[in-house]
Amino acid sequence: MVNSQASGVPPAPRSCAGCGGKIADRFLLFSMERYWHTRCLKCSCCQAQLGDIGTTCYSKGGMILCRSDYIRLFGHSGACSACGQSIPANEMVMRAQGNVYHLKCFSCATCRNRLMPGDRFHYINGTIFCEHDRPGAALLNSHLPPLQSNSVLTDQKVC
């Protein structure tokens, strides 16, 4: 997020990505390749004006988020629960019990086969097992949730 200030010569009016109106204010924000009135760039969840609370904002799934809501919704570290490596914001992920995984890392701990949406699996003490390798027949079965991606969340408000 960049805060721009007119210097000397007034800039050509720009349209706000939030309200569509012309930006004639002395200050404007540039975020996600678009210009915004300072009052229009708000967190999709808490409605905080992002220009007032810092110099960064987050975007995922078509939502614009403050740092607190991004962490609340998508995890504190943005790291894969299996390998610990960072997960880019636009990458598709798998989720289980509040943990987030790279697609390639969401696999059975025993046979290492990658699990796909619709596959049955068991999540036991932070470990993922396929249906075949589950450590006990008395456990409840689970189903993989749908893939979570930038395009999947676009029309949903997660707050």
Foldseek 3Di string as FASTA:
>chain_A
DDKDFDDDDQDDWFAAPQPRDTDRDRIWDADPNGIHRQQRCAFLPPRDRQVVPDDDWDDFLQTIHRLVVCCVVCNDPCAALQPRHHDDRAAKWWDDPHGTHHQQRCAAPPPSDGDDFFFKWDQDPNGIHGPVPDPDPPDDIDGTDHIDGSNVSNPPDPD
